[in-house]
Amino acid sequence: MKRVLLCLVPVFCGRLFAAQEDVARAQAKFFESEVRPILATRCFECHGEKKQKGGLRLDDIAFLKAGGDNGPALVPGKPEESPLIEAVRYGKADFQMPPKKPLPAAEVAVLEKWV
């Protein structure tokens, strides 16, 4: 019995790692095809390579996780705790991004799903 289990562990682990890689690829594809275009159009002018208001840069996932002067812009898996989502929802009068007008609801939903 022990030999059978030992033989199945590598098979199971191999499938598990392959599934995790598939999820990571799907997440990267969603970011590039759905999220990055929103950020590029709506955010990069003030939070991109050339300018980082509040110390926040949004053109790379590493910068999003690192955040700016006020800490991380997102909490993976927790949109309700992510400052980026709070800002685009326009929930607080003093914390609304982009500052000139709100994002369309469909774009906010994409960002929420991504986080």
PDB file of N, CA and C in Angstrom:
ATOM      1  N   MET A   1       0.821  -1.191   0.000  1.00  0.00           N
ATOM      2  CA  MET A   1       0.000   0.000   0.000  1.00  0.00           C
ATOM      3  C   MET A   1       0.870   1.262   0.000  1.00  0.00           C
ATOM      4  N   LYS A   2       1.940   1.293   0.800  1.00  0.00           N
ATOM      5  CA  LYS A   2       2.800   2.464   0.860  1.00  0.00           C
ATOM      6  C   LYS A   2       3.458   2.746  -0.478  1.00  0.00           C
ATOM      7  N   ARG A   3       3.826   1.714  -1.199  1.00  0.00           N
ATOM      8  CA  ARG A   3       4.473   1.903  -2.496  1.00  0.00           C
ATOM      9  C   ARG A   3       3.513   2.550  -3.494  1.00  0.00           C
ATOM     10  N   VAL A   4       2.261   2.164  -3.464  1.00  0.00           N
ATOM     11  CA  VAL A   4       1.276   2.750  -4.369  1.00  0.00           C
ATOM     12  C   VAL A   4       1.125   4.238  -4.084  1.00  0.00           C
ATOM     13  N   LEU A   5       1.016   4.601  -2.823  1.00  0.00           N
ATOM     14  CA  LEU A   5       0.884   6.006  -2.456  1.00  0.00           C
ATOM     15  C   LEU A   5       2.119   6.796  -2.858  1.00  0.00           C
ATOM     16  N   LEU A   6       3.284   6.251  -2.638  1.00  0.00           N
ATOM     17  CA  LEU A   6       4.504   6.941  -3.014  1.00  0.00           C
ATOM     18  C   LEU A   6       4.575   7.163  -4.515  1.00  0.00           C
ATOM     19  N   CYS A   7       4.055   6.225  -5.271  1.00  0.00           N
ATOM     20  CA  CYS A   7       4.057   6.367  -6.721  1.00  0.00           C
ATOM     21  C   CYS A   7       3.059   7.434  -7.176  1.00  0.00           C
ATOM     22  N   LEU A   8       1.954   7.592  -6.467  1.00  0.00           N
ATOM     23  CA  LEU A   8       0.932   8.557  -6.857  1.00  0.00           C
ATOM     24  C   LEU A   8       1.279   9.983  -6.464  1.00  0.00           C
ATOM     25  N   VAL A   9       2.086  10.174  -5.447  1.00  0.00           N
ATOM     26  CA  VAL A   9       2.424  11.520  -4.986  1.00  0.00           C
ATOM     27  C   VAL A   9       3.060  12.351  -6.101  1.00  0.00           C
ATOM     28  N   PRO A  10       4.081  11.859  -6.808  1.00  0.00           N
ATOM     29  CA  PRO A  10       4.656  12.672  -7.888  1.00  0.00           C
ATOM     30  C   PRO A  10       3.649  13.011  -8.985  1.00  0.00           C
ATOM     31  N   VAL A  11       2.760  12.082  -9.303  1.00  0.00           N
ATOM     32  CA  VAL A  11       1.754  12.338 -10.325  1.00  0.00           C
ATOM     33  C   VAL A  11       0.820  13.448  -9.862  1.00  0.00           C
ATOM     34  N   PHE A  12       0.336  13.330  -8.632  1.00  0.00           N
ATOM     35  CA  PHE A  12      -0.563  14.346  -8.081  1.00  0.00           C
ATOM     36  C   PHE A  12       0.129  15.695  -8.009  1.00  0.00           C
ATOM     37  N   CYS A  13       1.344  15.739  -7.501  1.00  0.00           N
ATOM     38  CA  CYS A  13       2.076  16.998  -7.376  1.00  0.00           C
ATOM     39  C   CYS A  13       2.344  17.612  -8.740  1.00  0.00           C
ATOM     40  N   GLY A  14       2.687  16.784  -9.709  1.00  0.00           N
ATOM     41  CA  GLY A  14       2.908  17.287 -11.058  1.00  0.00           C
ATOM     42  C   GLY A  14       1.659  17.946 -11.623  1.00  0.00           C
ATOM     43  N   ARG A  15       0.512  17.311 -11.408  1.00  0.00           N
ATOM     44  CA  ARG A  15      -0.756  17.883 -11.878  1.00  0.00           C
ATOM     45  C   ARG A  15      -1.102  19.155 -11.119  1.00  0.00           C
ATOM     46  N   LEU A  16      -0.824  19.172  -9.838  1.00  0.00           N
ATOM     47  CA  LEU A  16      -1.095  20.347  -9.020  1.00  0.00           C
ATOM     48  C   LEU A  16      -0.271  21.537  -9.503  1.00  0.00           C
ATOM     49  N   PHE A  17       1.014  21.320  -9.745  1.00  0.00           N
ATOM     50  CA  PHE A  17       1.876  22.400 -10.221  1.00  0.00           C
ATOM     51  C   PHE A  17       1.448  22.868 -11.609  1.00  0.00           C
ATOM     52  N   ALA A  18       1.053  21.940 -12.468  1.00  0.00           N
ATOM     53  CA  ALA A  18       0.587  22.309 -13.801  1.00  0.00           C
ATOM     54  C   ALA A  18      -0.676  23.157 -13.704  1.00  0.00           C
ATOM     55  N   ALA A  19      -1.571  22.792 -12.804  1.00  0.00           N
ATOM     56  CA  ALA A  19      -2.805  23.561 -12.611  1.00  0.00           C
ATOM     57  C   ALA A  19      -2.488  24.958 -12.087  1.00  0.00           C
ATOM     58  N   GLN A  20      -1.542  25.057 -11.173  1.00  0.00           N
ATOM     59  CA  GLN A  20      -1.146  26.364 -10.643  1.00  0.00           C
ATOM     60  C   GLN A  20      -0.536  27.231 -11.740  1.00  0.00           C
ATOM     61  N   GLU A  21       0.256  26.623 -12.610  1.00  0.00           N
ATOM     62  CA  GLU A  21       0.839  27.361 -13.723  1.00  0.00           C
ATOM     63  C   GLU A  21      -0.246  27.848 -14.677  1.00  0.00           C
ATOM     64  N   ASP A  22      -1.256  27.021 -14.911  1.00  0.00           N
ATOM     65  CA  ASP A  22      -2.368  27.418 -15.769  1.00  0.00           C
ATOM     66  C   ASP A  22      -3.105  28.618 -15.177  1.00  0.00           C
ATOM     67  N   VAL A  23      -3.326  28.599 -13.874  1.00  0.00           N
ATOM     68  CA  VAL A  23      -3.992  29.712 -13.199  1.00  0.00           C
ATOM     69  C   VAL A  23      -3.137  30.974 -13.316  1.00  0.00           C
ATOM     70  N   ALA A  24      -1.853  30.862 -13.088  1.00  0.00           N
ATOM     71  CA  ALA A  24      -0.958  32.019 -13.183  1.00  0.00           C
ATOM     72  C   ALA A  24      -0.962  32.601 -14.598  1.00  0.00           C
ATOM     73  N   ARG A  25      -0.965  31.733 -15.612  1.00  0.00           N
ATOM     74  CA  ARG A  25      -1.016  32.204 -17.001  1.00  0.00           C
ATOM     75  C   ARG A  25      -2.337  32.916 -17.280  1.00  0.00           C
ATOM     76  N   ALA A  26      -3.425  32.362 -16.793  1.00  0.00           N
ATOM     77  CA  ALA A  26      -4.741  32.974 -17.001  1.00  0.00           C
ATOM     78  C   ALA A  26      -4.818  34.333 -16.312  1.00  0.00           C
ATOM     79  N   GLN A  27      -4.255  34.429 -15.114  1.00  0.00           N
ATOM     80  CA  GLN A  27      -4.247  35.704 -14.392  1.00  0.00           C
ATOM     81  C   GLN A  27      -3.420  36.744 -15.135  1.00  0.00           C
ATOM     82  N   ALA A  28      -2.266  36.340 -15.636  1.00  0.00           N
ATOM     83  CA  ALA A  28      -1.407  37.265 -16.381  1.00  0.00           C
ATOM     84  C   ALA A  28      -2.107  37.723 -17.660  1.00  0.00           C
ATOM     85  N   LYS A  29      -2.777  36.805 -18.330  1.00  0.00           N
ATOM     86  CA  LYS A  29      -3.499  37.146 -19.556  1.00  0.00           C
ATOM     87  C   LYS A  29      -4.627  38.133 -19.249  1.00  0.00           C
ATOM     88  N   PHE A  30      -5.372  37.893 -18.166  1.00  0.00           N
ATOM     89  CA  PHE A  30      -6.456  38.793 -17.778  1.00  0.00           C
ATOM     90  C   PHE A  30      -5.900  40.180 -17.465  1.00  0.00           C
ATOM     91  N   PHE A  31      -4.780  40.232 -16.743  1.00  0.00           N
ATOM     92  CA  PHE A  31      -4.175  41.526 -16.431  1.00  0.00           C
ATOM     93  C   PHE A  31      -3.800  42.263 -17.714  1.00  0.00           C
ATOM     94  N   GLU A  32      -3.115  41.582 -18.609  1.00  0.00           N
ATOM     95  CA  GLU A  32      -2.639  42.232 -19.839  1.00  0.00           C
ATOM     96  C   GLU A  32      -3.774  42.631 -20.773  1.00  0.00           C
ATOM     97  N   SER A  33      -4.811  41.803 -20.874  1.00  0.00           N
ATOM     98  CA  SER A  33      -5.879  42.086 -21.830  1.00  0.00           C
ATOM     99  C   SER A  33      -7.004  42.955 -21.274  1.00  0.00           C
ATOM    100  N   GLU A  34      -7.252  42.889 -19.979  1.00  0.00           N
ATOM    101  CA  GLU A  34      -8.384  43.605 -19.393  1.00  0.00           C
ATOM    102  C   GLU A  34      -7.981  44.745 -18.453  1.00  0.00           C
ATOM    103  N   VAL A  35      -7.003  44.504 -17.596  1.00  0.00           N
ATOM    104  CA  VAL A  35      -6.657  45.468 -16.551  1.00  0.00           C
ATOM    105  C   VAL A  35      -5.679  46.530 -17.054  1.00  0.00           C
ATOM    106  N   ARG A  36      -4.580  46.098 -17.659  1.00  0.00           N
ATOM    107  CA  ARG A  36      -3.571  47.064 -18.110  1.00  0.00           C
ATOM    108  C   ARG A  36      -4.162  48.142 -19.018  1.00  0.00           C
ATOM    109  N   PRO A  37      -5.048  47.805 -19.981  1.00  0.00           N
ATOM    110  CA  PRO A  37      -5.613  48.879 -20.809  1.00  0.00           C
ATOM    111  C   PRO A  37      -6.378  49.935 -20.002  1.00  0.00           C
ATOM    112  N   ILE A  38      -7.077  49.515 -18.960  1.00  0.00           N
ATOM    113  CA  ILE A  38      -7.785  50.479 -18.105  1.00  0.00           C
ATOM    114  C   ILE A  38      -6.770  51.367 -17.391  1.00  0.00           C
ATOM    115  N   LEU A  39      -5.783  50.740 -16.778  1.00  0.00           N
ATOM    116  CA  LEU A  39      -4.773  51.515 -16.052  1.00  0.00           C
ATOM    117  C   LEU A  39      -4.017  52.449 -16.993  1.00  0.00           C
ATOM    118  N   ALA A  40      -3.684  51.968 -18.186  1.00  0.00           N
ATOM    119  CA  ALA A  40      -2.942  52.786 -19.146  1.00  0.00           C
ATOM    120  C   ALA A  40      -3.752  54.009 -19.566  1.00  0.00           C
ATOM    121  N   THR A  41      -5.022  53.808 -19.839  1.00  0.00           N
ATOM    122  CA  THR A  41      -5.886  54.900 -20.293  1.00  0.00           C
ATOM    123  C   THR A  41      -6.230  55.876 -19.174  1.00  0.00           C
ATOM    124  N   ARG A  42      -6.469  55.346 -17.994  1.00  0.00           N
ATOM    125  CA  ARG A  42      -7.013  56.170 -16.910  1.00  0.00           C
ATOM    126  C   ARG A  42      -6.001  56.607 -15.851  1.00  0.00           C
ATOM    127  N   CYS A  43      -4.876  55.908 -15.737  1.00  0.00           N
ATOM    128  CA  CYS A  43      -4.009  56.130 -14.570  1.00  0.00           C
ATOM    129  C   CYS A  43      -2.553  56.487 -14.866  1.00  0.00           C
ATOM    130  N   PHE A  44      -2.015  55.998 -15.977  1.00  0.00           N
ATOM    131  CA  PHE A  44      -0.575  56.129 -16.211  1.00  0.00           C
ATOM    132  C   PHE A  44      -0.101  57.576 -16.333  1.00  0.00           C
ATOM    133  N   GLU A  45      -0.982  58.483 -16.727  1.00  0.00           N
ATOM    134  CA  GLU A  45      -0.574  59.893 -16.841  1.00  0.00           C
ATOM    135  C   GLU A  45      -0.030  60.419 -15.515  1.00  0.00           C
ATOM    136  N   CYS A  46      -0.647  60.015 -14.420  1.00  0.00           N
ATOM    137  CA  CYS A  46      -0.219  60.471 -13.088  1.00  0.00           C
ATOM    138  C   CYS A  46       0.528  59.397 -12.296  1.00  0.00           C
ATOM    139  N   HIS A  47       0.376  58.132 -12.690  1.00  0.00           N
ATOM    140  CA  HIS A  47       0.968  57.013 -11.932  1.00  0.00           C
ATOM    141  C   HIS A  47       1.671  56.028 -12.860  1.00  0.00           C
ATOM    142  N   GLY A  48       2.493  56.551 -13.749  1.00  0.00           N
ATOM    143  CA  GLY A  48       3.197  55.704 -14.705  1.00  0.00           C
ATOM    144  C   GLY A  48       4.699  55.847 -14.591  1.00  0.00           C
ATOM    145  N   GLU A  49       5.369  55.543 -15.662  1.00  0.00           N
ATOM    146  CA  GLU A  49       6.834  55.558 -15.675  1.00  0.00           C
ATOM    147  C   GLU A  49       7.399  56.966 -15.471  1.00  0.00           C
ATOM    148  N   LYS A  50       6.762  57.974 -16.060  1.00  0.00           N
ATOM    149  CA  LYS A  50       7.304  59.341 -16.012  1.00  0.00           C
ATOM    150  C   LYS A  50       6.918  60.108 -14.753  1.00  0.00           C
ATOM    151  N   LYS A  51       5.760  59.815 -14.217  1.00  0.00           N
ATOM    152  CA  LYS A  51       5.275  60.552 -13.039  1.00  0.00           C
ATOM    153  C   LYS A  51       4.628  59.567 -12.078  1.00  0.00           C
ATOM    154  N   GLN A  52       4.883  59.742 -10.791  1.00  0.00           N
ATOM    155  CA  GLN A  52       4.276  58.881  -9.775  1.00  0.00           C
ATOM    156  C   GLN A  52       3.716  59.740  -8.641  1.00  0.00           C
ATOM    157  N   LYS A  53       2.543  60.294  -8.849  1.00  0.00           N
ATOM    158  CA  LYS A  53       1.915  61.078  -7.784  1.00  0.00           C
ATOM    159  C   LYS A  53       1.702  60.189  -6.570  1.00  0.00           C
ATOM    160  N   GLY A  54       1.996  60.739  -5.413  1.00  0.00           N
ATOM    161  CA  GLY A  54       1.861  59.984  -4.172  1.00  0.00           C
ATOM    162  C   GLY A  54       2.828  58.811  -4.094  1.00  0.00           C
ATOM    163  N   GLY A  55       3.857  58.842  -4.941  1.00  0.00           N
ATOM    164  CA  GLY A  55       4.833  57.755  -4.953  1.00  0.00           C
ATOM    165  C   GLY A  55       4.288  56.465  -5.540  1.00  0.00           C
ATOM    166  N   LEU A  56       3.110  56.527  -6.189  1.00  0.00           N
ATOM    167  CA  LEU A  56       2.445  55.324  -6.684  1.00  0.00           C
ATOM    168  C   LEU A  56       2.634  55.174  -8.185  1.00  0.00           C
ATOM    169  N   ARG A  57       3.095  54.009  -8.562  1.00  0.00           N
ATOM    170  CA  ARG A  57       3.280  53.655  -9.973  1.00  0.00           C
ATOM    171  C   ARG A  57       2.426  52.425 -10.260  1.00  0.00           C
ATOM    172  N   LEU A  58       1.634  52.488 -11.335  1.00  0.00           N
ATOM    173  CA  LEU A  58       0.673  51.428 -11.619  1.00  0.00           C
ATOM    174  C   LEU A  58       0.954  50.656 -12.908  1.00  0.00           C
ATOM    175  N   ASP A  59       2.111  50.840 -13.506  1.00  0.00           N
ATOM    176  CA  ASP A  59       2.363  50.197 -14.790  1.00  0.00           C
ATOM    177  C   ASP A  59       3.025  48.827 -14.678  1.00  0.00           C
ATOM    178  N   ASP A  60       3.136  48.303 -13.472  1.00  0.00           N
ATOM    179  CA  ASP A  60       3.686  46.964 -13.273  1.00  0.00           C
ATOM    180  C   ASP A  60       3.116  46.403 -11.981  1.00  0.00           C
ATOM    181  N   ILE A  61       2.818  45.115 -11.978  1.00  0.00           N
ATOM    182  CA  ILE A  61       2.210  44.484 -10.806  1.00  0.00           C
ATOM    183  C   ILE A  61       3.079  44.628  -9.565  1.00  0.00           C
ATOM    184  N   ALA A  62       4.386  44.602  -9.733  1.00  0.00           N
ATOM    185  CA  ALA A  62       5.277  44.743  -8.580  1.00  0.00           C
ATOM    186  C   ALA A  62       5.102  46.111  -7.928  1.00  0.00           C
ATOM    187  N   PHE A  63       4.919  47.153  -8.737  1.00  0.00           N
ATOM    188  CA  PHE A  63       4.713  48.492  -8.191  1.00  0.00           C
ATOM    189  C   PHE A  63       3.353  48.595  -7.498  1.00  0.00           C
ATOM    190  N   LEU A  64       2.351  47.934  -8.056  1.00  0.00           N
ATOM    191  CA  LEU A  64       1.029  47.940  -7.428  1.00  0.00           C
ATOM    192  C   LEU A  64       1.080  47.310  -6.040  1.00  0.00           C
ATOM    193  N   LYS A  65       1.793  46.198  -5.949  1.00  0.00           N
ATOM    194  CA  LYS A  65       1.894  45.521  -4.655  1.00  0.00           C
ATOM    195  C   LYS A  65       2.733  46.321  -3.666  1.00  0.00           C
ATOM    196  N   ALA A  66       3.782  46.962  -4.154  1.00  0.00           N
ATOM    197  CA  ALA A  66       4.628  47.777  -3.274  1.00  0.00           C
ATOM    198  C   ALA A  66       3.881  49.021  -2.829  1.00  0.00           C
ATOM    199  N   GLY A  67       3.112  49.604  -3.738  1.00  0.00           N
ATOM    200  CA  GLY A  67       2.327  50.777  -3.421  1.00  0.00           C
ATOM    201  C   GLY A  67       3.121  52.062  -3.468  1.00  0.00           C
ATOM    202  N   GLY A  68       2.557  53.072  -2.843  1.00  0.00           N
ATOM    203  CA  GLY A  68       3.171  54.391  -2.844  1.00  0.00           C
ATOM    204  C   GLY A  68       3.398  54.898  -1.438  1.00  0.00           C
ATOM    205  N   ASP A  69       3.247  56.202  -1.282  1.00  0.00           N
ATOM    206  CA  ASP A  69       3.492  56.844   0.007  1.00  0.00           C
ATOM    207  C   ASP A  69       2.587  56.309   1.117  1.00  0.00           C
ATOM    208  N   ASN A  70       1.415  55.826   0.747  1.00  0.00           N
ATOM    209  CA  ASN A  70       0.450  55.337   1.744  1.00  0.00           C
ATOM    210  C   ASN A  70       0.377  53.818   1.826  1.00  0.00           C
ATOM    211  N   GLY A  71       1.354  53.119   1.249  1.00  0.00           N
ATOM    212  CA  GLY A  71       1.381  51.665   1.322  1.00  0.00           C
ATOM    213  C   GLY A  71       0.885  51.008   0.060  1.00  0.00           C
ATOM    214  N   PRO A  72       0.658  49.682   0.105  1.00  0.00           N
ATOM    215  CA  PRO A  72       0.233  48.929  -1.076  1.00  0.00           C
ATOM    216  C   PRO A  72      -1.077  49.450  -1.652  1.00  0.00           C
ATOM    217  N   ALA A  73      -1.190  49.410  -2.978  1.00  0.00           N
ATOM    218  CA  ALA A  73      -2.403  49.853  -3.659  1.00  0.00           C
ATOM    219  C   ALA A  73      -3.459  48.768  -3.678  1.00  0.00           C
ATOM    220  N   LEU A  74      -3.029  47.529  -3.468  1.00  0.00           N
ATOM    221  CA  LEU A  74      -4.003  46.441  -3.481  1.00  0.00           C
ATOM    222  C   LEU A  74      -3.631  45.359  -2.485  1.00  0.00           C
ATOM    223  N   VAL A  75      -4.653  44.636  -2.083  1.00  0.00           N
ATOM    224  CA  VAL A  75      -4.489  43.468  -1.229  1.00  0.00           C
ATOM    225  C   VAL A  75      -5.038  42.305  -2.047  1.00  0.00           C
ATOM    226  N   PRO A  76      -4.156  41.471  -2.619  1.00  0.00           N
ATOM    227  CA  PRO A  76      -4.621  40.403  -3.496  1.00  0.00           C
ATOM    228  C   PRO A  76      -5.717  39.543  -2.860  1.00  0.00           C
ATOM    229  N   GLY A  77      -6.787  39.372  -3.622  1.00  0.00           N
ATOM    230  CA  GLY A  77      -7.909  38.561  -3.161  1.00  0.00           C
ATOM    231  C   GLY A  77      -8.882  39.293  -2.254  1.00  0.00           C
ATOM    232  N   LYS A  78      -8.580  40.565  -1.960  1.00  0.00           N
ATOM    233  CA  LYS A  78      -9.424  41.328  -1.042  1.00  0.00           C
ATOM    234  C   LYS A  78      -9.722  42.717  -1.597  1.00  0.00           C
ATOM    235  N   PRO A  79     -10.608  42.807  -2.574  1.00  0.00           N
ATOM    236  CA  PRO A  79     -10.909  44.121  -3.132  1.00  0.00           C
ATOM    237  C   PRO A  79     -11.454  45.110  -2.106  1.00  0.00           C
ATOM    238  N   GLU A  80     -12.198  44.619  -1.123  1.00  0.00           N
ATOM    239  CA  GLU A  80     -12.769  45.503  -0.097  1.00  0.00           C
ATOM    240  C   GLU A  80     -11.692  46.173   0.757  1.00  0.00           C
ATOM    241  N   GLU A  81     -10.502  45.585   0.805  1.00  0.00           N
ATOM    242  CA  GLU A  81      -9.403  46.132   1.605  1.00  0.00           C
ATOM    243  C   GLU A  81      -8.349  46.829   0.746  1.00  0.00           C
ATOM    244  N   SER A  82      -8.576  46.911  -0.547  1.00  0.00           N
ATOM    245  CA  SER A  82      -7.596  47.457  -1.478  1.00  0.00           C
ATOM    246  C   SER A  82      -7.838  48.940  -1.735  1.00  0.00           C
ATOM    247  N   PRO A  83      -6.869  49.793  -1.392  1.00  0.00           N
ATOM    248  CA  PRO A  83      -7.023  51.230  -1.636  1.00  0.00           C
ATOM    249  C   PRO A  83      -7.320  51.584  -3.090  1.00  0.00           C
ATOM    250  N   LEU A  84      -6.751  50.841  -4.034  1.00  0.00           N
ATOM    251  CA  LEU A  84      -7.032  51.099  -5.445  1.00  0.00           C
ATOM    252  C   LEU A  84      -8.527  50.995  -5.722  1.00  0.00           C
ATOM    253  N   ILE A  85      -9.160  49.965  -5.199  1.00  0.00           N
ATOM    254  CA  ILE A  85     -10.596  49.759  -5.419  1.00  0.00           C
ATOM    255  C   ILE A  85     -11.403  50.821  -4.679  1.00  0.00           C
ATOM    256  N   GLU A  86     -10.992  51.137  -3.482  1.00  0.00           N
ATOM    257  CA  GLU A  86     -11.673  52.199  -2.729  1.00  0.00           C
ATOM    258  C   GLU A  86     -11.655  53.508  -3.513  1.00  0.00           C
ATOM    259  N   ALA A  87     -10.525  53.832  -4.119  1.00  0.00           N
ATOM    260  CA  ALA A  87     -10.391  55.082  -4.865  1.00  0.00           C
ATOM    261  C   ALA A  87     -11.266  55.103  -6.111  1.00  0.00           C
ATOM    262  N   VAL A  88     -11.283  54.011  -6.877  1.00  0.00           N
ATOM    263  CA  VAL A  88     -12.061  54.013  -8.120  1.00  0.00           C
ATOM    264  C   VAL A  88     -13.564  53.869  -7.871  1.00  0.00           C
ATOM    265  N   ARG A  89     -13.937  53.431  -6.687  1.00  0.00           N
ATOM    266  CA  ARG A  89     -15.371  53.361  -6.338  1.00  0.00           C
ATOM    267  C   ARG A  89     -15.931  54.727  -5.949  1.00  0.00           C
ATOM    268  N   TYR A  90     -15.067  55.691  -5.710  1.00  0.00           N
ATOM    269  CA  TYR A  90     -15.476  57.043  -5.326  1.00  0.00           C
ATOM    270  C   TYR A  90     -16.272  57.047  -4.023  1.00  0.00           C
ATOM    271  N   GLY A  91     -15.885  56.196  -3.080  1.00  0.00           N
ATOM    272  CA  GLY A  91     -16.598  56.095  -1.814  1.00  0.00           C
ATOM    273  C   GLY A  91     -16.306  57.215  -0.833  1.00  0.00           C
ATOM    274  N   LYS A  92     -15.116  57.809  -0.912  1.00  0.00           N
ATOM    275  CA  LYS A  92     -14.737  58.899  -0.009  1.00  0.00           C
ATOM    276  C   LYS A  92     -14.485  60.163  -0.822  1.00  0.00           C
ATOM    277  N   ALA A  93     -14.982  61.272  -0.348  1.00  0.00           N
ATOM    278  CA  ALA A  93     -14.833  62.532  -1.076  1.00  0.00           C
ATOM    279  C   ALA A  93     -13.375  62.943  -1.255  1.00  0.00           C
ATOM    280  N   ASP A  94     -12.521  62.582  -0.313  1.00  0.00           N
ATOM    281  CA  ASP A  94     -11.110  62.996  -0.387  1.00  0.00           C
ATOM    282  C   ASP A  94     -10.190  61.931  -0.980  1.00  0.00           C
ATOM    283  N   PHE A  95     -10.773  60.864  -1.524  1.00  0.00           N
ATOM    284  CA  PHE A  95      -9.960  59.779  -2.078  1.00  0.00           C
ATOM    285  C   PHE A  95     -10.683  59.181  -3.280  1.00  0.00           C
ATOM    286  N   GLN A  96     -10.628  59.915  -4.400  1.00  0.00           N
ATOM    287  CA  GLN A  96     -11.322  59.495  -5.608  1.00  0.00           C
ATOM    288  C   GLN A  96     -10.360  59.540  -6.798  1.00  0.00           C
ATOM    289  N   MET A  97     -10.256  58.413  -7.478  1.00  0.00           N
ATOM    290  CA  MET A  97      -9.379  58.321  -8.642  1.00  0.00           C
ATOM    291  C   MET A  97     -10.117  57.651  -9.783  1.00  0.00           C
ATOM    292  N   PRO A  98      -9.918  58.110 -11.003  1.00  0.00           N
ATOM    293  CA  PRO A  98      -9.214  59.328 -11.368  1.00  0.00           C
ATOM    294  C   PRO A  98      -9.965  60.553 -10.853  1.00  0.00           C
ATOM    295  N   PRO A  99      -9.235  61.638 -10.578  1.00  0.00           N
ATOM    296  CA  PRO A  99      -9.846  62.766  -9.877  1.00  0.00           C
ATOM    297  C   PRO A  99     -10.892  63.561 -10.661  1.00  0.00           C
ATOM    298  N   LYS A 100     -10.839  63.532 -11.975  1.00  0.00           N
ATOM    299  CA  LYS A 100     -11.757  64.380 -12.744  1.00  0.00           C
ATOM    300  C   LYS A 100     -13.143  63.782 -12.919  1.00  0.00           C
ATOM    301  N   LYS A 101     -13.215  62.473 -13.119  1.00  0.00           N
ATOM    302  CA  LYS A 101     -14.533  61.821 -13.229  1.00  0.00           C
ATOM    303  C   LYS A 101     -14.359  60.333 -12.985  1.00  0.00           C
ATOM    304  N   PRO A 102     -15.395  59.696 -12.450  1.00  0.00           N
ATOM    305  CA  PRO A 102     -15.305  58.265 -12.119  1.00  0.00           C
ATOM    306  C   PRO A 102     -15.146  57.385 -13.355  1.00  0.00           C
ATOM    307  N   LEU A 103     -14.564  56.224 -13.126  1.00  0.00           N
ATOM    308  CA  LEU A 103     -14.493  55.205 -14.169  1.00  0.00           C
ATOM    309  C   LEU A 103     -15.888  54.664 -14.441  1.00  0.00           C
ATOM    310  N   PRO A 104     -16.130  54.189 -15.647  1.00  0.00           N
ATOM    311  CA  PRO A 104     -17.406  53.496 -15.892  1.00  0.00           C
ATOM    312  C   PRO A 104     -17.509  52.270 -14.982  1.00  0.00           C
ATOM    313  N   ALA A 105     -18.716  51.926 -14.604  1.00  0.00           N
ATOM    314  CA  ALA A 105     -18.954  50.795 -13.694  1.00  0.00           C
ATOM    315  C   ALA A 105     -18.332  49.504 -14.216  1.00  0.00           C
ATOM    316  N   ALA A 106     -18.357  49.305 -15.533  1.00  0.00           N
ATOM    317  CA  ALA A 106     -17.785  48.080 -16.110  1.00  0.00           C
ATOM    318  C   ALA A 106     -16.280  48.005 -15.861  1.00  0.00           C
ATOM    319  N   GLU A 107     -15.592  49.137 -15.923  1.00  0.00           N
ATOM    320  CA  GLU A 107     -14.152  49.145 -15.672  1.00  0.00           C
ATOM    321  C   GLU A 107     -13.847  48.910 -14.192  1.00  0.00           C
ATOM    322  N   VAL A 108     -14.652  49.478 -13.317  1.00  0.00           N
ATOM    323  CA  VAL A 108     -14.487  49.233 -11.881  1.00  0.00           C
ATOM    324  C   VAL A 108     -14.676  47.740 -11.605  1.00  0.00           C
ATOM    325  N   ALA A 109     -15.674  47.142 -12.237  1.00  0.00           N
ATOM    326  CA  ALA A 109     -15.933  45.706 -12.049  1.00  0.00           C
ATOM    327  C   ALA A 109     -14.751  44.854 -12.505  1.00  0.00           C
ATOM    328  N   VAL A 110     -14.099  45.238 -13.584  1.00  0.00           N
ATOM    329  CA  VAL A 110     -12.912  44.500 -14.063  1.00  0.00           C
ATOM    330  C   VAL A 110     -11.805  44.585 -13.016  1.00  0.00           C
ATOM    331  N   LEU A 111     -11.574  45.776 -12.482  1.00  0.00           N
ATOM    332  CA  LEU A 111     -10.528  45.937 -11.456  1.00  0.00           C
ATOM    333  C   LEU A 111     -10.851  45.142 -10.201  1.00  0.00           C
ATOM    334  N   GLU A 112     -12.117  45.163  -9.800  1.00  0.00           N
ATOM    335  CA  GLU A 112     -12.528  44.375  -8.626  1.00  0.00           C
ATOM    336  C   GLU A 112     -12.299  42.884  -8.853  1.00  0.00           C
ATOM    337  N   LYS A 113     -12.683  42.409 -10.018  1.00  0.00           N
ATOM    338  CA  LYS A 113     -12.498  40.991 -10.344  1.00  0.00           C
ATOM    339  C   LYS A 113     -11.019  40.631 -10.338  1.00  0.00           C
ATOM    340  N   TRP A 114     -10.191  41.504 -10.878  1.00  0.00           N
ATOM    341  CA  TRP A 114      -8.765  41.244 -10.959  1.00  0.00           C
ATOM    342  C   TRP A 114      -8.120  41.158  -9.582  1.00  0.00           C
ATOM    343  N   VAL A 115      -8.482  42.085  -8.692  1.00  0.00           N
ATOM    344  CA  VAL A 115      -7.905  42.091  -7.350  1.00  0.00           C
ATOM    345  C   VAL A 115      -8.295  40.817  -6.631  1.00  0.00           C
TER     346      VAL A 115
END
